[in-house]
């Protein structure tokens, strides 16, 4: 049986699209152009603009939160090291 070919270009495009969707939705919610809760739709705007793209992003890159935390911790240690020495 043949091994399936993983299309890394497609995955990177999907990841870029989900991150763009997440950033755009966050900006819309923060600017209050789209309310997070409405009488007609309930919490659906918040779900489709924030939680859905976050779920897609974490599905494509499950290690992303750990990488971001490691990057933040290394920056914090580097700045503390520079300040006290």
PDB file of N, CA and C in Angstrom:
ATOM      1  N   UNK A   1       0.835  -1.163   0.000  1.00  0.00           N
ATOM      2  CA  UNK A   1       0.000   0.000   0.000  1.00  0.00           C
ATOM      3  C   UNK A   1       0.896   1.247   0.000  1.00  0.00           C
ATOM      4  N   UNK A   2       0.502   2.242  -0.770  1.00  0.00           N
ATOM      5  CA  UNK A   2       1.305   3.459  -0.866  1.00  0.00           C
ATOM      6  C   UNK A   2       1.017   4.403   0.296  1.00  0.00           C
ATOM      7  N   UNK A   3       2.047   5.129   0.675  1.00  0.00           N
ATOM      8  CA  UNK A   3       1.899   6.131   1.730  1.00  0.00           C
ATOM      9  C   UNK A   3       1.220   7.375   1.141  1.00  0.00           C
ATOM     10  N   UNK A   4       0.286   7.986   1.867  1.00  0.00           N
ATOM     11  CA  UNK A   4      -0.339   9.204   1.355  1.00  0.00           C
ATOM     12  C   UNK A   4       0.675  10.349   1.341  1.00  0.00           C
ATOM     13  N   UNK A   5       0.594  11.142   0.308  1.00  0.00           N
ATOM     14  CA  UNK A   5       1.490  12.292   0.174  1.00  0.00           C
ATOM     15  C   UNK A   5       0.886  13.464   0.941  1.00  0.00           C
ATOM     16  N   UNK A   6       1.673  14.030   1.833  1.00  0.00           N
ATOM     17  CA  UNK A   6       1.220  15.167   2.635  1.00  0.00           C
ATOM     18  C   UNK A   6       1.554  16.443   1.885  1.00  0.00           C
ATOM     19  N   UNK A   7       0.539  17.219   1.604  1.00  0.00           N
ATOM     20  CA  UNK A   7       0.735  18.470   0.877  1.00  0.00           C
ATOM     21  C   UNK A   7       0.996  19.580   1.894  1.00  0.00           C
ATOM     22  N   UNK A   8       2.272  19.916   2.095  1.00  0.00           N
ATOM     23  CA  UNK A   8       2.624  20.924   3.100  1.00  0.00           C
ATOM     24  C   UNK A   8       2.205  22.323   2.669  1.00  0.00           C
ATOM     25  N   UNK A   9       2.151  22.568   1.369  1.00  0.00           N
ATOM     26  CA  UNK A   9       1.704  23.880   0.903  1.00  0.00           C
ATOM     27  C   UNK A   9       0.235  24.110   1.246  1.00  0.00           C
ATOM     28  N   UNK A  10      -0.562  23.073   1.076  1.00  0.00           N
ATOM     29  CA  UNK A  10      -1.986  23.207   1.391  1.00  0.00           C
ATOM     30  C   UNK A  10      -2.182  23.445   2.883  1.00  0.00           C
ATOM     31  N   UNK A  11      -1.431  22.714   3.690  1.00  0.00           N
ATOM     32  CA  UNK A  11      -1.549  22.873   5.145  1.00  0.00           C
ATOM     33  C   UNK A  11      -1.127  24.272   5.579  1.00  0.00           C
ATOM     34  N   UNK A  12      -0.053  24.785   5.007  1.00  0.00           N
ATOM     35  CA  UNK A  12       0.395  26.127   5.380  1.00  0.00           C
ATOM     36  C   UNK A  12      -0.598  27.190   4.917  1.00  0.00           C
ATOM     37  N   UNK A  13      -1.226  26.973   3.756  1.00  0.00           N
ATOM     38  CA  UNK A  13      -2.250  27.930   3.305  1.00  0.00           C
ATOM     39  C   UNK A  13      -3.472  27.889   4.211  1.00  0.00           C
ATOM     40  N   UNK A  14      -3.874  26.682   4.631  1.00  0.00           N
ATOM     41  CA  UNK A  14      -5.003  26.562   5.559  1.00  0.00           C
ATOM     42  C   UNK A  14      -4.687  27.215   6.901  1.00  0.00           C
ATOM     43  N   UNK A  15      -3.464  27.032   7.375  1.00  0.00           N
ATOM     44  CA  UNK A  15      -3.068  27.641   8.639  1.00  0.00           C
ATOM     45  C   UNK A  15      -3.061  29.161   8.524  1.00  0.00           C
ATOM     46  N   UNK A  16      -2.539  29.685   7.425  1.00  0.00           N
ATOM     47  CA  UNK A  16      -2.524  31.137   7.213  1.00  0.00           C
ATOM     48  C   UNK A  16      -3.948  31.682   7.124  1.00  0.00           C
ATOM     49  N   UNK A  17      -4.827  30.961   6.442  1.00  0.00           N
ATOM     50  CA  UNK A  17      -6.218  31.406   6.330  1.00  0.00           C
ATOM     51  C   UNK A  17      -6.914  31.396   7.686  1.00  0.00           C
ATOM     52  N   UNK A  18      -6.670  30.359   8.487  1.00  0.00           N
ATOM     53  CA  UNK A  18      -7.321  30.298   9.802  1.00  0.00           C
ATOM     54  C   UNK A  18      -6.784  31.383  10.732  1.00  0.00           C
ATOM     55  N   UNK A  19      -5.488  31.678  10.657  1.00  0.00           N
ATOM     56  CA  UNK A  19      -4.934  32.758  11.484  1.00  0.00           C
ATOM     57  C   UNK A  19      -5.459  34.119  11.045  1.00  0.00           C
ATOM     58  N   UNK A  20      -5.617  34.317   9.728  1.00  0.00           N
ATOM     59  CA  UNK A  20      -6.187  35.564   9.224  1.00  0.00           C
ATOM     60  C   UNK A  20      -7.638  35.694   9.657  1.00  0.00           C
ATOM     61  N   UNK A  21      -8.379  34.604   9.602  1.00  0.00           N
ATOM     62  CA  UNK A  21      -9.772  34.570  10.046  1.00  0.00           C
ATOM     63  C   UNK A  21      -9.850  34.898  11.539  1.00  0.00           C
ATOM     64  N   UNK A  22      -8.955  34.330  12.323  1.00  0.00           N
ATOM     65  CA  UNK A  22      -8.932  34.580  13.765  1.00  0.00           C
ATOM     66  C   UNK A  22      -8.598  36.039  14.070  1.00  0.00           C
ATOM     67  N   UNK A  23      -7.604  36.582  13.400  1.00  0.00           N
ATOM     68  CA  UNK A  23      -7.230  37.991  13.633  1.00  0.00           C
ATOM     69  C   UNK A  23      -8.337  38.941  13.187  1.00  0.00           C
ATOM     70  N   UNK A  24      -8.909  38.682  12.023  1.00  0.00           N
ATOM     71  CA  UNK A  24     -10.002  39.531  11.532  1.00  0.00           C
ATOM     72  C   UNK A  24     -11.214  39.480  12.441  1.00  0.00           C
ATOM     73  N   UNK A  25     -11.577  38.288  12.872  1.00  0.00           N
ATOM     74  CA  UNK A  25     -12.718  38.146  13.774  1.00  0.00           C
ATOM     75  C   UNK A  25     -12.471  38.800  15.116  1.00  0.00           C
ATOM     76  N   UNK A  26     -11.243  38.679  15.618  1.00  0.00           N
ATOM     77  CA  UNK A  26     -10.902  39.326  16.895  1.00  0.00           C
ATOM     78  C   UNK A  26     -11.002  40.833  16.773  1.00  0.00           C
ATOM     79  N   UNK A  27     -10.516  41.364  15.669  1.00  0.00           N
ATOM     80  CA  UNK A  27     -10.608  42.821  15.471  1.00  0.00           C
ATOM     81  C   UNK A  27     -12.053  43.280  15.367  1.00  0.00           C
ATOM     82  N   UNK A  28     -12.873  42.510  14.661  1.00  0.00           N
ATOM     83  CA  UNK A  28     -14.289  42.879  14.557  1.00  0.00           C
ATOM     84  C   UNK A  28     -14.975  42.851  15.920  1.00  0.00           C
ATOM     85  N   UNK A  29     -14.666  41.855  16.724  1.00  0.00           N
ATOM     86  CA  UNK A  29     -15.289  41.771  18.050  1.00  0.00           C
ATOM     87  C   UNK A  29     -14.763  42.858  18.989  1.00  0.00           C
ATOM     88  N   UNK A  30     -13.457  43.128  18.933  1.00  0.00           N
ATOM     89  CA  UNK A  30     -12.893  44.157  19.808  1.00  0.00           C
ATOM     90  C   UNK A  30     -13.344  45.563  19.428  1.00  0.00           C
ATOM     91  N   UNK A  31     -13.537  45.796  18.149  1.00  0.00           N
ATOM     92  CA  UNK A  31     -13.973  47.124  17.713  1.00  0.00           C
ATOM     93  C   UNK A  31     -15.473  47.314  17.879  1.00  0.00           C
ATOM     94  N   UNK A  32     -16.176  46.282  18.267  1.00  0.00           N
ATOM     95  CA  UNK A  32     -17.621  46.229  18.468  1.00  0.00           C
ATOM     96  C   UNK A  32     -18.408  46.524  17.190  1.00  0.00           C
ATOM     97  N   UNK A  33     -17.788  46.349  16.016  1.00  0.00           N
ATOM     98  CA  UNK A  33     -18.551  46.428  14.776  1.00  0.00           C
ATOM     99  C   UNK A  33     -19.527  45.258  14.692  1.00  0.00           C
ATOM    100  N   UNK A  34     -19.119  44.126  15.232  1.00  0.00           N
ATOM    101  CA  UNK A  34     -19.986  42.958  15.338  1.00  0.00           C
ATOM    102  C   UNK A  34     -20.098  42.644  16.826  1.00  0.00           C
ATOM    103  N   UNK A  35     -21.297  42.694  17.394  1.00  0.00           N
ATOM    104  CA  UNK A  35     -21.426  42.390  18.820  1.00  0.00           C
ATOM    105  C   UNK A  35     -21.212  40.905  19.092  1.00  0.00           C
ATOM    106  N   UNK A  36     -20.719  40.595  20.265  1.00  0.00           N
ATOM    107  CA  UNK A  36     -20.464  39.204  20.629  1.00  0.00           C
ATOM    108  C   UNK A  36     -21.767  38.434  20.848  1.00  0.00           C
ATOM    109  N   UNK A  37     -22.803  39.116  21.308  1.00  0.00           N
ATOM    110  CA  UNK A  37     -24.092  38.476  21.562  1.00  0.00           C
ATOM    111  C   UNK A  37     -25.190  39.356  20.996  1.00  0.00           C
ATOM    112  N   UNK A  38     -26.114  38.741  20.264  1.00  0.00           N
ATOM    113  CA  UNK A  38     -27.257  39.477  19.740  1.00  0.00           C
ATOM    114  C   UNK A  38     -28.542  38.754  20.134  1.00  0.00           C
ATOM    115  N   UNK A  39     -29.639  39.471  20.086  1.00  0.00           N
ATOM    116  CA  UNK A  39     -30.919  38.861  20.429  1.00  0.00           C
ATOM    117  C   UNK A  39     -31.337  37.836  19.374  1.00  0.00           C
ATOM    118  N   UNK A  40     -31.000  38.089  18.124  1.00  0.00           N
ATOM    119  CA  UNK A  40     -31.413  37.200  17.053  1.00  0.00           C
ATOM    120  C   UNK A  40     -30.529  35.957  16.943  1.00  0.00           C
ATOM    121  N   UNK A  41     -29.220  36.142  16.998  1.00  0.00           N
ATOM    122  CA  UNK A  41     -28.285  35.043  16.780  1.00  0.00           C
ATOM    123  C   UNK A  41     -27.681  34.469  18.061  1.00  0.00           C
ATOM    124  N   UNK A  42     -27.860  35.109  19.183  1.00  0.00           N
ATOM    125  CA  UNK A  42     -27.272  34.627  20.435  1.00  0.00           C
ATOM    126  C   UNK A  42     -25.761  34.808  20.417  1.00  0.00           C
ATOM    127  N   UNK A  43     -25.030  33.756  20.765  1.00  0.00           N
ATOM    128  CA  UNK A  43     -23.570  33.811  20.812  1.00  0.00           C
ATOM    129  C   UNK A  43     -22.922  33.365  19.503  1.00  0.00           C
ATOM    130  N   UNK A  44     -23.675  33.177  18.452  1.00  0.00           N
ATOM    131  CA  UNK A  44     -23.144  32.699  17.172  1.00  0.00           C
ATOM    132  C   UNK A  44     -22.058  33.609  16.588  1.00  0.00           C
ATOM    133  N   UNK A  45     -22.192  34.942  16.635  1.00  0.00           N
ATOM    134  CA  UNK A  45     -21.102  35.770  16.092  1.00  0.00           C
ATOM    135  C   UNK A  45     -19.767  35.516  16.786  1.00  0.00           C
ATOM    136  N   UNK A  46     -19.794  35.380  18.099  1.00  0.00           N
ATOM    137  CA  UNK A  46     -18.546  35.127  18.813  1.00  0.00           C
ATOM    138  C   UNK A  46     -17.979  33.757  18.440  1.00  0.00           C
ATOM    139  N   UNK A  47     -18.848  32.776  18.302  1.00  0.00           N
ATOM    140  CA  UNK A  47     -18.373  31.441  17.924  1.00  0.00           C
ATOM    141  C   UNK A  47     -17.717  31.468  16.552  1.00  0.00           C
ATOM    142  N   UNK A  48     -18.386  32.037  15.554  1.00  0.00           N
ATOM    143  CA  UNK A  48     -17.862  31.998  14.184  1.00  0.00           C
ATOM    144  C   UNK A  48     -16.684  32.938  13.964  1.00  0.00           C
ATOM    145  N   UNK A  49     -16.551  33.970  14.770  1.00  0.00           N
ATOM    146  CA  UNK A  49     -15.434  34.899  14.593  1.00  0.00           C
ATOM    147  C   UNK A  49     -14.250  34.610  15.497  1.00  0.00           C
ATOM    148  N   UNK A  50     -14.441  33.825  16.563  1.00  0.00           N
ATOM    149  CA  UNK A  50     -13.351  33.586  17.498  1.00  0.00           C
ATOM    150  C   UNK A  50     -13.083  32.101  17.736  1.00  0.00           C
ATOM    151  N   UNK A  51     -14.086  31.357  18.169  1.00  0.00           N
ATOM    152  CA  UNK A  51     -13.866  29.964  18.575  1.00  0.00           C
ATOM    153  C   UNK A  51     -13.672  29.016  17.396  1.00  0.00           C
ATOM    154  N   UNK A  52     -14.398  29.203  16.306  1.00  0.00           N
ATOM    155  CA  UNK A  52     -14.242  28.319  15.141  1.00  0.00           C
ATOM    156  C   UNK A  52     -12.850  28.442  14.513  1.00  0.00           C
ATOM    157  N   UNK A  53     -12.349  29.659  14.240  1.00  0.00           N
ATOM    158  CA  UNK A  53     -10.993  29.724  13.682  1.00  0.00           C
ATOM    159  C   UNK A  53      -9.919  29.257  14.662  1.00  0.00           C
ATOM    160  N   UNK A  54     -10.160  29.448  15.948  1.00  0.00           N
ATOM    161  CA  UNK A  54      -9.211  28.945  16.941  1.00  0.00           C
ATOM    162  C   UNK A  54      -9.168  27.424  16.922  1.00  0.00           C
ATOM    163  N   UNK A  55     -10.319  26.785  16.782  1.00  0.00           N
ATOM    164  CA  UNK A  55     -10.368  25.325  16.702  1.00  0.00           C
ATOM    165  C   UNK A  55      -9.673  24.819  15.438  1.00  0.00           C
ATOM    166  N   UNK A  56      -9.859  25.506  14.323  1.00  0.00           N
ATOM    167  CA  UNK A  56      -9.197  25.104  13.079  1.00  0.00           C
ATOM    168  C   UNK A  56      -7.688  25.270  13.211  1.00  0.00           C
ATOM    169  N   UNK A  57      -7.252  26.371  13.793  1.00  0.00           N
ATOM    170  CA  UNK A  57      -5.821  26.622  13.973  1.00  0.00           C
ATOM    171  C   UNK A  57      -5.191  25.571  14.874  1.00  0.00           C
ATOM    172  N   UNK A  58      -5.846  25.244  15.976  1.00  0.00           N
ATOM    173  CA  UNK A  58      -5.296  24.247  16.890  1.00  0.00           C
ATOM    174  C   UNK A  58      -5.367  22.834  16.322  1.00  0.00           C
ATOM    175  N   UNK A  59      -6.291  22.583  15.417  1.00  0.00           N
ATOM    176  CA  UNK A  59      -6.341  21.291  14.752  1.00  0.00           C
ATOM    177  C   UNK A  59      -5.167  21.140  13.786  1.00  0.00           C
ATOM    178  N   UNK A  60      -4.854  22.218  13.076  1.00  0.00           N
ATOM    179  CA  UNK A  60      -3.747  22.171  12.123  1.00  0.00           C
ATOM    180  C   UNK A  60      -2.389  22.189  12.819  1.00  0.00           C
ATOM    181  N   UNK A  61      -2.263  22.925  13.897  1.00  0.00           N
ATOM    182  CA  UNK A  61      -1.002  23.035  14.640  1.00  0.00           C
ATOM    183  C   UNK A  61      -1.256  22.822  16.124  1.00  0.00           C
ATOM    184  N   UNK A  62      -1.351  21.572  16.577  1.00  0.00           N
ATOM    185  CA  UNK A  62      -1.665  21.333  17.991  1.00  0.00           C
ATOM    186  C   UNK A  62      -0.549  21.748  18.950  1.00  0.00           C
ATOM    187  N   UNK A  63       0.676  21.885  18.469  1.00  0.00           N
ATOM    188  CA  UNK A  63       1.795  22.261  19.344  1.00  0.00           C
ATOM    189  C   UNK A  63       1.990  23.773  19.433  1.00  0.00           C
ATOM    190  N   UNK A  64       1.168  24.531  18.759  1.00  0.00           N
ATOM    191  CA  UNK A  64       1.335  25.985  18.718  1.00  0.00           C
ATOM    192  C   UNK A  64       1.283  26.654  20.091  1.00  0.00           C
ATOM    193  N   UNK A  65       0.343  26.323  20.991  1.00  0.00           N
ATOM    194  CA  UNK A  65       0.333  26.979  22.306  1.00  0.00           C
ATOM    195  C   UNK A  65       1.624  26.747  23.098  1.00  0.00           C
ATOM    196  N   UNK A  66       2.147  25.521  23.048  1.00  0.00           N
ATOM    197  CA  UNK A  66       3.393  25.245  23.766  1.00  0.00           C
ATOM    198  C   UNK A  66       4.560  26.014  23.172  1.00  0.00           C
ATOM    199  N   UNK A  67       4.602  26.132  21.845  1.00  0.00           N
ATOM    200  CA  UNK A  67       5.674  26.882  21.196  1.00  0.00           C
ATOM    201  C   UNK A  67       5.614  28.356  21.579  1.00  0.00           C
ATOM    202  N   UNK A  68       4.411  28.910  21.626  1.00  0.00           N
ATOM    203  CA  UNK A  68       4.268  30.316  21.997  1.00  0.00           C
ATOM    204  C   UNK A  68       4.654  30.551  23.457  1.00  0.00           C
ATOM    205  N   UNK A  69       4.280  29.620  24.341  1.00  0.00           N
ATOM    206  CA  UNK A  69       4.671  29.748  25.745  1.00  0.00           C
ATOM    207  C   UNK A  69       6.180  29.630  25.913  1.00  0.00           C
ATOM    208  N   UNK A  70       6.812  28.719  25.194  1.00  0.00           N
ATOM    209  CA  UNK A  70       8.266  28.572  25.267  1.00  0.00           C
ATOM    210  C   UNK A  70       8.960  29.820  24.757  1.00  0.00           C
ATOM    211  N   UNK A  71       8.432  30.406  23.689  1.00  0.00           N
ATOM    212  CA  UNK A  71       9.007  31.642  23.154  1.00  0.00           C
ATOM    213  C   UNK A  71       8.873  32.777  24.160  1.00  0.00           C
ATOM    214  N   UNK A  72       7.729  32.858  24.811  1.00  0.00           N
ATOM    215  CA  UNK A  72       7.514  33.908  25.808  1.00  0.00           C
ATOM    216  C   UNK A  72       8.438  33.733  27.008  1.00  0.00           C
ATOM    217  N   UNK A  73       8.596  32.488  27.454  1.00  0.00           N
ATOM    218  CA  UNK A  73       9.465  32.223  28.596  1.00  0.00           C
ATOM    219  C   UNK A  73      10.922  32.540  28.273  1.00  0.00           C
ATOM    220  N   UNK A  74      11.361  32.199  27.074  1.00  0.00           N
ATOM    221  CA  UNK A  74      12.753  32.476  26.713  1.00  0.00           C
ATOM    222  C   UNK A  74      12.994  33.977  26.616  1.00  0.00           C
ATOM    223  N   UNK A  75      12.029  34.718  26.128  1.00  0.00           N
ATOM    224  CA  UNK A  75      12.176  36.185  26.085  1.00  0.00           C
ATOM    225  C   UNK A  75      12.259  36.768  27.482  1.00  0.00           C
ATOM    226  N   UNK A  76      11.416  36.259  28.374  1.00  0.00           N
ATOM    227  CA  UNK A  76      11.392  36.763  29.746  1.00  0.00           C
ATOM    228  C   UNK A  76      12.731  36.495  30.435  1.00  0.00           C
ATOM    229  N   UNK A  77      13.285  35.311  30.229  1.00  0.00           N
ATOM    230  CA  UNK A  77      14.566  34.979  30.844  1.00  0.00           C
ATOM    231  C   UNK A  77      15.691  35.829  30.264  1.00  0.00           C
ATOM    232  N   UNK A  78      15.661  36.061  28.967  1.00  0.00           N
ATOM    233  CA  UNK A  78      16.709  36.867  28.336  1.00  0.00           C
ATOM    234  C   UNK A  78      16.675  38.310  28.832  1.00  0.00           C
ATOM    235  N   UNK A  79      15.511  38.891  28.962  1.00  0.00           N
ATOM    236  CA  UNK A  79      15.431  40.275  29.429  1.00  0.00           C
ATOM    237  C   UNK A  79      15.829  40.377  30.896  1.00  0.00           C
ATOM    238  N   UNK A  80      15.445  39.401  31.719  1.00  0.00           N
ATOM    239  CA  UNK A  80      15.839  39.427  33.126  1.00  0.00           C
ATOM    240  C   UNK A  80      17.349  39.269  33.245  1.00  0.00           C
ATOM    241  N   UNK A  81      17.918  38.447  32.421  1.00  0.00           N
ATOM    242  CA  UNK A  81      19.369  38.242  32.440  1.00  0.00           C
ATOM    243  C   UNK A  81      20.095  39.522  32.033  1.00  0.00           C
ATOM    244  N   UNK A  82      19.572  40.245  31.072  1.00  0.00           N
ATOM    245  CA  UNK A  82      20.217  41.477  30.623  1.00  0.00           C
ATOM    246  C   UNK A  82      20.091  42.581  31.648  1.00  0.00           C
ATOM    247  N   UNK A  83      18.988  42.628  32.357  1.00  0.00           N
ATOM    248  CA  UNK A  83      18.762  43.700  33.314  1.00  0.00           C
ATOM    249  C   UNK A  83      19.692  43.556  34.526  1.00  0.00           C
ATOM    250  N   UNK A  84      19.832  42.350  35.045  1.00  0.00           N
ATOM    251  CA  UNK A  84      20.578  42.172  36.284  1.00  0.00           C
ATOM    252  C   UNK A  84      22.081  41.990  36.081  1.00  0.00           C
ATOM    253  N   UNK A  85      22.523  41.880  34.859  1.00  0.00           N
ATOM    254  CA  UNK A  85      23.979  41.717  34.668  1.00  0.00           C
ATOM    255  C   UNK A  85      24.580  42.912  34.036  1.00  0.00           C
TER     256      UNK A  85
END
